[in-house]
Amino acid sequence: MPKMKTKSGAKKRFKITASGRVKAGQAGKRHGMIKRTNKQIRNLRGTDTLSDADAKIVKKFMPYAG
């Protein structure tokens, strides 16, 4: 059986932690910053772990990650 291919869009957007959780960039910082508070913008920095339901969907696209 040949190797399964990872979706290239998923490998650019998500990382799997050692414990199997999925890390992704925070949503809501592409545009429209003027209507967001400074606190909101500050809290959206960095990455966040996805919920179990979302992580299950992402892991289908990354067969060899975790």
N, C-alpha and C. Protein backbone atom coordinates (compact mmCIF):
# COMPACT_ATOMS: atom_id res chain seq x y z
N MET A 1 0.85 -1.19 0.00
CA MET A 1 0.00 0.00 0.00
C MET A 1 0.89 1.25 0.00
N PRO A 2 0.64 2.21 -0.90
CA PRO A 2 1.47 3.42 -0.92
C PRO A 2 1.21 4.32 0.28
N LYS A 3 2.15 5.22 0.50
CA LYS A 3 1.98 6.17 1.59
C LYS A 3 0.81 7.10 1.30
N MET A 4 0.12 7.50 2.38
CA MET A 4 -0.97 8.47 2.23
C MET A 4 -0.36 9.87 2.20
N LYS A 5 -0.99 10.77 1.45
CA LYS A 5 -0.47 12.13 1.36
C LYS A 5 -1.15 13.03 2.40
N THR A 6 -0.34 13.88 3.02
CA THR A 6 -0.85 14.91 3.92
C THR A 6 -1.36 16.07 3.07
N LYS A 7 -2.49 16.66 3.47
CA LYS A 7 -2.99 17.84 2.77
C LYS A 7 -2.00 18.98 3.00
N SER A 8 -1.49 19.57 1.93
CA SER A 8 -0.44 20.57 2.09
C SER A 8 -0.96 21.83 2.78
N GLY A 9 -2.25 22.15 2.63
CA GLY A 9 -2.80 23.30 3.34
C GLY A 9 -2.82 23.07 4.84
N ALA A 10 -3.08 21.84 5.25
CA ALA A 10 -3.13 21.51 6.68
C ALA A 10 -1.75 21.52 7.30
N LYS A 11 -0.75 21.04 6.57
CA LYS A 11 0.59 20.99 7.17
C LYS A 11 1.17 22.38 7.37
N LYS A 12 0.69 23.36 6.58
CA LYS A 12 1.15 24.73 6.75
C LYS A 12 0.46 25.44 7.91
N ARG A 13 -0.74 25.01 8.25
CA ARG A 13 -1.56 25.74 9.23
C ARG A 13 -1.58 25.14 10.63
N PHE A 14 -1.29 23.86 10.75
CA PHE A 14 -1.45 23.17 12.03
C PHE A 14 -0.19 22.42 12.43
N LYS A 15 0.02 22.30 13.75
CA LYS A 15 1.09 21.48 14.30
C LYS A 15 0.47 20.57 15.35
N ILE A 16 1.01 19.37 15.48
CA ILE A 16 0.54 18.42 16.48
C ILE A 16 1.53 18.44 17.65
N THR A 17 1.03 18.60 18.86
CA THR A 17 1.89 18.61 20.04
C THR A 17 2.28 17.18 20.41
N ALA A 18 3.21 17.05 21.34
CA ALA A 18 3.66 15.72 21.76
C ALA A 18 2.53 14.91 22.39
N SER A 19 1.58 15.60 23.02
CA SER A 19 0.47 14.89 23.65
C SER A 19 -0.69 14.63 22.68
N GLY A 20 -0.53 15.08 21.41
CA GLY A 20 -1.55 14.79 20.40
C GLY A 20 -2.57 15.89 20.19
N ARG A 21 -2.43 17.01 20.90
CA ARG A 21 -3.35 18.13 20.68
C ARG A 21 -2.94 18.84 19.39
N VAL A 22 -3.86 19.63 18.81
CA VAL A 22 -3.58 20.35 17.57
C VAL A 22 -3.45 21.83 17.88
N LYS A 23 -2.31 22.42 17.46
CA LYS A 23 -2.08 23.85 17.64
C LYS A 23 -2.38 24.58 16.35
N ALA A 24 -3.01 25.75 16.44
CA ALA A 24 -3.30 26.56 15.27
C ALA A 24 -3.20 28.03 15.64
N GLY A 25 -3.03 28.87 14.64
CA GLY A 25 -3.00 30.30 14.86
C GLY A 25 -4.36 30.79 15.30
N GLN A 26 -4.37 31.87 16.05
CA GLN A 26 -5.62 32.45 16.52
C GLN A 26 -6.38 33.07 15.35
N ALA A 27 -7.68 32.93 15.36
CA ALA A 27 -8.52 33.53 14.32
C ALA A 27 -8.87 34.96 14.71
N GLY A 28 -9.19 35.78 13.72
CA GLY A 28 -9.73 37.11 14.00
C GLY A 28 -8.72 38.23 13.98
N LYS A 29 -7.55 38.05 13.31
CA LYS A 29 -6.56 39.12 13.28
C LYS A 29 -6.14 39.49 11.87
N ARG A 30 -6.94 39.18 10.87
CA ARG A 30 -6.55 39.48 9.49
C ARG A 30 -6.88 40.92 9.11
N HIS A 31 -8.03 41.40 9.50
CA HIS A 31 -8.44 42.76 9.13
C HIS A 31 -9.47 43.23 10.13
N GLY A 32 -9.84 44.52 10.03
CA GLY A 32 -10.85 45.06 10.94
C GLY A 32 -10.34 45.30 12.34
N MET A 33 -9.05 45.64 12.47
CA MET A 33 -8.47 45.84 13.80
C MET A 33 -9.06 47.07 14.50
N ILE A 34 -9.56 48.01 13.72
CA ILE A 34 -10.04 49.26 14.31
C ILE A 34 -11.24 49.04 15.23
N LYS A 35 -12.00 48.02 14.95
CA LYS A 35 -13.19 47.76 15.77
C LYS A 35 -12.92 46.81 16.94
N ARG A 36 -11.69 46.30 17.04
CA ARG A 36 -11.33 45.43 18.15
C ARG A 36 -10.62 46.23 19.23
N THR A 37 -10.78 45.81 20.47
CA THR A 37 -10.10 46.51 21.55
C THR A 37 -8.63 46.09 21.56
N ASN A 38 -7.79 46.93 22.17
CA ASN A 38 -6.37 46.60 22.28
C ASN A 38 -6.17 45.32 23.07
N LYS A 39 -6.99 45.10 24.08
CA LYS A 39 -6.90 43.88 24.88
C LYS A 39 -7.20 42.66 24.02
N GLN A 40 -8.22 42.78 23.16
CA GLN A 40 -8.59 41.67 22.29
C GLN A 40 -7.46 41.34 21.32
N ILE A 41 -6.88 42.37 20.72
CA ILE A 41 -5.78 42.17 19.77
C ILE A 41 -4.59 41.51 20.48
N ARG A 42 -4.28 41.97 21.68
CA ARG A 42 -3.17 41.43 22.45
C ARG A 42 -3.39 39.96 22.78
N ASN A 43 -4.62 39.61 23.15
CA ASN A 43 -4.94 38.24 23.53
C ASN A 43 -4.98 37.27 22.35
N LEU A 44 -5.07 37.81 21.14
CA LEU A 44 -5.12 36.96 19.95
C LEU A 44 -3.74 36.64 19.38
N ARG A 45 -2.68 37.06 20.06
CA ARG A 45 -1.33 36.74 19.59
C ARG A 45 -1.03 35.26 19.79
N GLY A 46 -0.09 34.77 19.01
CA GLY A 46 0.40 33.41 19.22
C GLY A 46 -0.56 32.35 18.72
N THR A 47 -0.46 31.17 19.32
CA THR A 47 -1.26 30.03 18.89
C THR A 47 -2.20 29.58 20.00
N ASP A 48 -3.12 28.71 19.63
CA ASP A 48 -4.09 28.17 20.57
C ASP A 48 -4.31 26.72 20.22
N THR A 49 -4.74 25.91 21.17
CA THR A 49 -5.05 24.51 20.86
C THR A 49 -6.51 24.41 20.46
N LEU A 50 -6.76 23.58 19.47
CA LEU A 50 -8.12 23.40 18.97
C LEU A 50 -8.93 22.53 19.91
N SER A 51 -10.24 22.67 19.84
CA SER A 51 -11.12 21.81 20.61
C SER A 51 -11.02 20.39 20.07
N ASP A 52 -11.45 19.42 20.85
CA ASP A 52 -11.36 18.02 20.43
C ASP A 52 -12.13 17.75 19.14
N ALA A 53 -13.28 18.40 18.99
CA ALA A 53 -14.10 18.20 17.79
C ALA A 53 -13.38 18.72 16.55
N ASP A 54 -12.76 19.90 16.65
CA ASP A 54 -12.04 20.47 15.51
C ASP A 54 -10.75 19.69 15.24
N ALA A 55 -10.08 19.26 16.30
CA ALA A 55 -8.84 18.51 16.14
C ALA A 55 -9.08 17.20 15.40
N LYS A 56 -10.21 16.58 15.66
CA LYS A 56 -10.56 15.32 15.00
C LYS A 56 -10.67 15.52 13.48
N ILE A 57 -11.22 16.65 13.06
CA ILE A 57 -11.35 16.97 11.64
C ILE A 57 -9.98 17.19 11.02
N VAL A 58 -9.13 17.96 11.71
CA VAL A 58 -7.81 18.30 11.18
C VAL A 58 -6.94 17.06 11.06
N LYS A 59 -7.03 16.14 12.00
CA LYS A 59 -6.18 14.95 11.99
C LYS A 59 -6.46 14.03 10.81
N LYS A 60 -7.65 14.14 10.22
CA LYS A 60 -7.96 13.35 9.01
C LYS A 60 -7.05 13.77 7.85
N PHE A 61 -6.66 15.06 7.83
CA PHE A 61 -5.83 15.58 6.74
C PHE A 61 -4.35 15.34 6.96
N MET A 62 -3.99 14.90 8.17
CA MET A 62 -2.58 14.70 8.51
C MET A 62 -2.39 13.27 9.02
N PRO A 63 -2.35 12.28 8.13
CA PRO A 63 -2.39 10.89 8.56
C PRO A 63 -1.18 10.44 9.40
N TYR A 64 -0.03 11.07 9.23
CA TYR A 64 1.15 10.60 9.96
C TYR A 64 1.55 11.51 11.12
N ALA A 65 0.75 12.48 11.44
CA ALA A 65 1.07 13.40 12.53
C ALA A 65 0.35 12.94 13.80
N GLY A 66 1.08 12.30 14.68
CA GLY A 66 0.50 11.87 15.95
C GLY A 66 -0.45 10.78 15.78
